[in-house]
Structures are given as C-alpha cells and as structure tokens.
Amino acid sequence: MNLSDSQTAGGSVPRRISAMEAVLGHLRGAIEGGEYAVGDKLPSEAELCRRLEVSRPVLREALRALQTMGLTVSRTGKGTFVVSSGPVEDPTFGDYTASDLMEVRRHVEIPVAGYAAVRRTPEDLDHLAHLLERMERERDTTAWVAMDTLFHLAVAQAAQNPVFRRVIEEIRDALARQSAFLNELGGRREQSNREHRAIVEALVDGSAADAVDAMAHHLDRVETTLTAIVRPERTDPAGTPTEGETHA
C-alpha cells in the first residue's frame, strides 16, 4: 500500500502515517462507504494481507482498531463481522467508553496532580524522573505504553492518598488500550513525553497551579487527538469542511 502524509492532531507538522494507519483507513473507508455492509464478514486475514500487501501483525493491529471504534466484532473461529457503518462516536477501551474514561480522568487526575505537587516526596520525584527518562528513550510502543500507565499511577501515588491510586488502578487497562490506540493512530508519543515532562517539572517546583495546568493540557491533547482519529475533518471539493465534522 502507498503511505501518505497526515497532519498531526492539533498541529500543522505533517508526519508519515504507518502501514497500520493506511490499512485501517482503507478498511474503515470501505465499511463507511458501504463496500462492506452491516452483517457482512470481512475477507480472511490471509486474503486481506494478500490484497493489501501487508504483514499479518500490521493487519491485526488495524482489525483491533476497527473493533475499538465499534465498527466490527471478532468472533472466535468465525472471523470479523461488520456491526456498524459508522461514523464512530465513542470508541471503547476495555470495559469503558472513551467519553466515560475522559470524564473520570478530568475529575480525578487534574486535582491529583495539584495534590501531588505539594505532597510528593523525594522518592516520588526520583521515581517519576527515572520513569520519564526511560520513556523518552523508549522506541517500542508496547513498552512505552506500559510505562505510560506507570507514570499516571506514580503521579497518583505522589498525592499520598491511596484512594486516588486505587481509582487509577481500576482504569489501568483502559488507559493502556487508549494509549496504544493514540500512539498507533495519532503519533502521540513524543508530544506525550513533552507533556509528561511539564507535569514532572511542576511537581519538582512544588507548584499545584502549574501541575493542574500541565495535567489539564495533557488531557486536552489526548482528547483532541482522539477526536481527530474518530471524527476526522473531511472537506468537499471546494475545501470546505463537511457538515457535522469536528474541528480538532
């Protein structure tokens, strides 16, 4: 498949999309365009790999993304079936929808960052700094995603309230799934590293206001990227955004 440039969510710097993004875009377009109707079974993985000229791991990542978006469902031993023609409104990450997850994150993680700024211990700061350095060096998406969830757990731990950590533990799997989704489709890793560093710097300074602002900005960017993936802005031939499209 030919890969094309894509605009990063919330910015103007073009980036090269991955093979998985290209496959996902093709399959999503085929479903939303009616080539595969609700109830249809997608071709087998072997057939899709042959048609799209991609490896099976790349195809499976794209199929998982389609399922997260609510367009398909995988039935063991039977294949992948179309369950919605789109457009996607609210993807699901594990047990939680994206909208539910973001609502809770805003009400928990933003104030938690403020508490962490005034309650953190030297050990908390050392742990966060070490984790951030590892994340900035990491190139493997799976390993980075695992550390991403650890980072948010560490901020909750620094708030010195076990209930906060328990809440983040409860949504940990969903956070990991969301993080992987955003990194595979939104190229979020470097931007997220910068946002994490701003959070850590605020904690080091002991500034609750800066920590709250940094975490709020981080979650804003997460939501903006998610919106851009799920409801990408399309234009008509004159270059005007089509009705109902979301501006990220």
Protein backbone atom coordinates (compact mmCIF):
# COMPACT_ATOMS: atom_id res chain seq x y z
CA MET A 1 0.00 0.00 0.00
CA ASN A 2 1.12 3.55 -0.59
CA LEU A 3 1.60 5.53 2.58
CA SER A 4 0.68 9.20 2.63
CA ASP A 5 1.40 12.16 4.85
CA SER A 6 -1.02 13.08 7.60
CA GLN A 7 -1.36 16.15 9.77
CA THR A 8 -0.67 15.60 13.44
CA ALA A 9 -3.70 16.28 15.59
CA GLY A 10 -3.73 19.83 16.86
CA GLY A 11 -0.67 20.83 14.84
CA SER A 12 0.49 21.69 11.36
CA VAL A 13 3.58 19.48 11.05
CA PRO A 14 2.96 16.61 8.64
CA ARG A 15 4.01 13.13 9.64
CA ARG A 16 4.32 9.91 7.70
CA ILE A 17 1.45 7.56 8.51
CA SER A 18 2.23 3.94 9.34
CA ALA A 19 1.27 0.87 7.36
CA MET A 20 -1.31 0.06 10.04
CA GLU A 21 -2.91 3.51 9.68
CA ALA A 22 -3.07 3.05 5.91
CA VAL A 23 -4.74 -0.36 6.29
CA LEU A 24 -7.16 0.99 8.88
CA GLY A 25 -8.04 3.95 6.67
CA HIS A 26 -8.71 1.63 3.74
CA LEU A 27 -10.91 -0.79 5.71
CA ARG A 28 -12.74 1.98 7.55
CA GLY A 29 -13.43 3.74 4.27
CA ALA A 30 -14.74 0.50 2.76
CA ILE A 31 -17.10 -0.04 5.70
CA GLU A 32 -18.33 3.54 5.92
CA GLY A 33 -18.66 3.68 2.12
CA GLY A 34 -20.88 0.60 2.04
CA GLU A 35 -18.47 -1.83 0.39
CA TYR A 36 -18.92 -3.99 3.47
CA ALA A 37 -22.44 -3.71 4.91
CA VAL A 38 -23.56 -4.34 8.48
CA GLY A 39 -23.63 -8.10 8.97
CA ASP A 40 -21.01 -8.80 6.30
CA LYS A 41 -17.96 -10.84 7.13
CA LEU A 42 -14.64 -9.30 6.18
CA PRO A 43 -12.32 -11.38 3.98
CA SER A 44 -9.97 -13.69 5.84
CA GLU A 45 -6.74 -12.34 7.29
CA ALA A 46 -4.75 -14.21 4.64
CA GLU A 47 -6.86 -12.69 1.86
CA LEU A 48 -6.64 -9.17 3.27
CA CYS A 49 -2.87 -9.47 3.71
CA ARG A 50 -2.58 -10.55 0.08
CA ARG A 51 -4.83 -7.77 -1.22
CA LEU A 52 -3.30 -5.00 0.87
CA GLU A 53 0.27 -6.29 0.68
CA VAL A 54 0.91 -6.07 4.41
CA SER A 55 2.07 -8.45 7.11
CA ARG A 56 -0.35 -10.25 9.41
CA PRO A 57 0.76 -8.30 12.54
CA VAL A 58 0.03 -4.99 10.74
CA LEU A 59 -3.37 -6.24 9.61
CA ARG A 60 -4.27 -7.49 13.09
CA GLU A 61 -3.45 -4.10 14.62
CA ALA A 62 -5.79 -2.47 12.12
CA LEU A 63 -8.54 -5.01 12.84
CA ARG A 64 -8.19 -4.36 16.58
CA ALA A 65 -8.56 -0.62 15.93
CA LEU A 66 -11.72 -1.22 13.89
CA GLN A 67 -13.15 -3.19 16.79
CA THR A 68 -12.18 -0.47 19.29
CA MET A 69 -14.03 2.02 17.10
CA GLY A 70 -17.13 -0.15 17.24
CA LEU A 71 -17.23 -0.88 13.51
CA THR A 72 -16.52 -4.61 13.72
CA VAL A 73 -16.60 -7.54 16.11
CA SER A 74 -14.32 -10.57 16.07
CA ARG A 75 -15.97 -13.95 16.61
CA THR A 76 -13.60 -16.74 17.54
CA GLY A 77 -13.37 -19.34 14.83
CA LYS A 78 -15.74 -17.43 12.56
CA GLY A 79 -13.96 -14.22 11.56
CA THR A 80 -14.52 -10.48 11.71
CA PHE A 81 -18.00 -9.07 11.07
CA VAL A 82 -19.20 -5.52 10.41
CA VAL A 83 -21.58 -4.32 13.14
CA SER A 84 -21.78 -0.60 12.29
CA SER A 85 -21.36 1.53 9.19
CA GLY A 86 -20.12 4.48 11.24
CA PRO A 87 -19.28 7.18 11.80
CA VAL A 88 -17.78 6.20 15.12
CA GLU A 89 -18.99 8.28 18.05
CA ASP A 90 -17.44 6.74 21.15
CA PRO A 91 -14.75 4.04 20.95
CA THR A 92 -14.42 1.52 23.76
CA PHE A 93 -11.23 0.75 25.62
CA GLY A 94 -11.69 -2.48 27.55
CA ASP A 95 -14.66 -2.03 29.87
CA TYR A 96 -15.07 1.73 29.39
CA THR A 97 -16.06 4.09 26.60
CA ALA A 98 -13.69 6.91 25.71
CA SER A 99 -16.14 9.57 26.90
CA ASP A 100 -16.62 7.92 30.30
CA LEU A 101 -12.88 7.45 30.67
CA MET A 102 -12.07 11.07 29.82
CA GLU A 103 -14.75 12.40 32.16
CA VAL A 104 -13.31 10.46 35.09
CA ARG A 105 -9.72 11.33 34.19
CA ARG A 106 -10.51 15.05 34.19
CA HIS A 107 -12.24 14.87 37.58
CA VAL A 108 -9.52 12.71 39.15
CA GLU A 109 -6.14 13.24 37.52
CA ILE A 110 -6.23 17.05 37.31
CA PRO A 111 -6.78 17.65 41.06
CA VAL A 112 -4.49 14.70 41.84
CA ALA A 113 -1.65 16.49 40.06
CA GLY A 114 -2.21 19.51 42.31
CA TYR A 115 -2.13 17.39 45.47
CA ALA A 116 0.97 15.60 44.21
CA ALA A 117 2.81 18.91 43.75
CA VAL A 118 2.51 19.76 47.44
CA ARG A 119 2.71 16.25 48.93
CA ARG A 120 5.34 14.48 46.80
CA THR A 121 8.38 13.01 48.50
CA PRO A 122 11.95 12.99 47.17
CA GLU A 123 11.44 9.30 46.42
CA ASP A 124 8.35 10.12 44.33
CA LEU A 125 10.30 12.68 42.31
CA ASP A 126 13.20 10.28 41.75
CA HIS A 127 10.81 7.58 40.56
CA LEU A 128 8.99 9.92 38.18
CA ALA A 129 12.22 11.37 36.80
CA HIS A 130 13.64 7.89 36.17
CA LEU A 131 10.42 6.73 34.53
CA LEU A 132 10.28 9.82 32.32
CA GLU A 133 13.88 9.31 31.17
CA ARG A 134 13.11 5.70 30.24
CA MET A 135 10.02 6.77 28.32
CA GLU A 136 11.94 9.41 26.37
CA ARG A 137 14.49 6.77 25.29
CA GLU A 138 11.99 4.01 24.54
CA ARG A 139 11.17 3.25 20.90
CA ASP A 140 9.00 0.16 21.36
CA THR A 141 5.33 1.15 21.51
CA THR A 142 4.27 -1.73 23.77
CA ALA A 143 6.98 -0.96 26.32
CA TRP A 144 6.23 2.76 26.19
CA VAL A 145 2.51 2.21 26.75
CA ALA A 146 3.26 0.10 29.83
CA MET A 147 5.39 2.92 31.24
CA ASP A 148 2.72 5.48 30.36
CA THR A 149 0.27 3.81 32.73
CA LEU A 150 3.00 3.53 35.37
CA PHE A 151 3.60 7.28 35.04
CA HIS A 152 -0.01 8.13 35.82
CA LEU A 153 -0.02 5.67 38.70
CA ALA A 154 3.14 7.31 40.05
CA VAL A 155 1.54 10.77 39.98
CA ALA A 156 -1.44 9.36 41.89
CA GLN A 157 0.94 7.75 44.38
CA ALA A 158 2.68 11.09 44.91
CA ALA A 159 -0.65 12.59 46.01
CA GLN A 160 -0.34 10.40 49.15
CA ASN A 161 -3.96 9.26 49.06
CA PRO A 162 -4.43 5.52 48.41
CA VAL A 163 -7.94 6.08 47.04
CA PHE A 164 -6.55 8.06 44.09
CA ARG A 165 -4.15 5.28 43.22
CA ARG A 166 -6.94 2.72 43.52
CA VAL A 167 -9.04 4.68 41.02
CA ILE A 168 -6.19 4.78 38.50
CA GLU A 169 -5.56 1.07 39.09
CA GLU A 170 -9.21 0.38 38.24
CA ILE A 171 -8.92 2.09 34.85
CA ARG A 172 -5.33 0.98 34.19
CA ASP A 173 -6.19 -1.49 31.43
CA ALA A 174 -8.40 1.06 29.68
CA LEU A 175 -5.64 3.68 29.95
CA ALA A 176 -3.18 1.27 28.32
CA ARG A 177 -5.59 0.46 25.50
CA GLN A 178 -6.30 4.14 24.92
CA SER A 179 -2.59 4.98 24.98
CA ALA A 180 -1.77 2.28 22.43
CA PHE A 181 -4.64 3.43 20.20
CA LEU A 182 -3.50 7.07 20.28
CA ASN A 183 0.13 6.19 19.65
CA GLU A 184 -0.61 3.83 16.77
CA LEU A 185 -3.02 6.22 15.06
CA GLY A 186 -2.14 9.65 16.36
CA GLY A 187 1.65 9.65 16.70
CA ARG A 188 1.29 10.88 20.27
CA ARG A 189 4.47 9.53 21.86
CA GLU A 190 6.86 12.49 21.54
CA GLN A 191 4.15 15.03 22.32
CA SER A 192 3.07 13.00 25.34
CA ASN A 193 6.65 12.82 26.58
CA ARG A 194 6.83 16.62 26.49
CA GLU A 195 3.55 16.91 28.36
CA HIS A 196 4.71 14.40 30.97
CA ARG A 197 7.91 16.38 31.45
CA ALA A 198 5.90 19.54 32.09
CA ILE A 199 3.93 17.68 34.76
CA VAL A 200 7.09 16.43 36.45
CA GLU A 201 8.69 19.88 36.35
CA ALA A 202 5.62 21.32 38.10
CA LEU A 203 5.85 18.63 40.77
CA VAL A 204 9.56 19.35 41.26
CA ASP A 205 8.75 23.06 41.68
CA GLY A 206 6.01 22.21 44.15
CA SER A 207 3.53 24.32 42.20
CA ALA A 208 -0.01 22.99 42.49
CA ALA A 209 -1.31 25.52 39.95
CA ASP A 210 1.30 24.58 37.36
CA ALA A 211 0.73 20.87 37.95
CA VAL A 212 -3.01 21.25 37.49
CA ASP A 213 -2.47 23.26 34.30
CA ALA A 214 0.05 20.74 32.94
CA MET A 215 -2.22 17.76 33.57
CA ALA A 216 -5.23 19.61 32.12
CA HIS A 217 -3.22 20.42 28.99
CA HIS A 218 -2.13 16.80 28.71
CA LEU A 219 -5.71 15.53 28.87
CA ASP A 220 -6.83 18.23 26.42
CA ARG A 221 -4.31 16.96 23.89
CA VAL A 222 -5.35 13.35 24.49
CA GLU A 223 -8.98 14.26 23.81
CA THR A 224 -8.12 16.37 20.76
CA THR A 225 -6.11 13.54 19.21
CA LEU A 226 -8.85 11.03 19.96
CA THR A 227 -11.45 13.29 18.33
CA ALA A 228 -9.26 13.76 15.26
CA ILE A 229 -8.92 9.99 14.85
CA VAL A 230 -12.54 9.11 15.45
CA ARG A 231 -14.15 12.02 13.62
CA PRO A 232 -11.57 13.29 11.12
CA GLU A 233 -12.44 16.53 9.37
CA ARG A 234 -13.33 15.93 5.75
CA THR A 235 -13.63 18.58 3.07
CA ASP A 236 -15.79 18.91 -0.01
CA PRO A 237 -14.17 19.58 -3.42
CA ALA A 238 -14.13 23.32 -2.63
CA GLY A 239 -12.13 22.69 0.54
CA THR A 240 -14.98 23.46 2.94
CA PRO A 241 -15.39 21.20 5.99
CA THR A 242 -18.39 18.94 5.56
CA GLU A 243 -21.38 19.35 7.85
CA GLY A 244 -21.15 17.58 11.16
CA GLU A 245 -17.38 17.16 11.14
CA THR A 246 -15.47 18.04 14.30
CA HIS A 247 -12.71 20.61 14.32
CA ALA A 248 -9.88 19.23 16.47
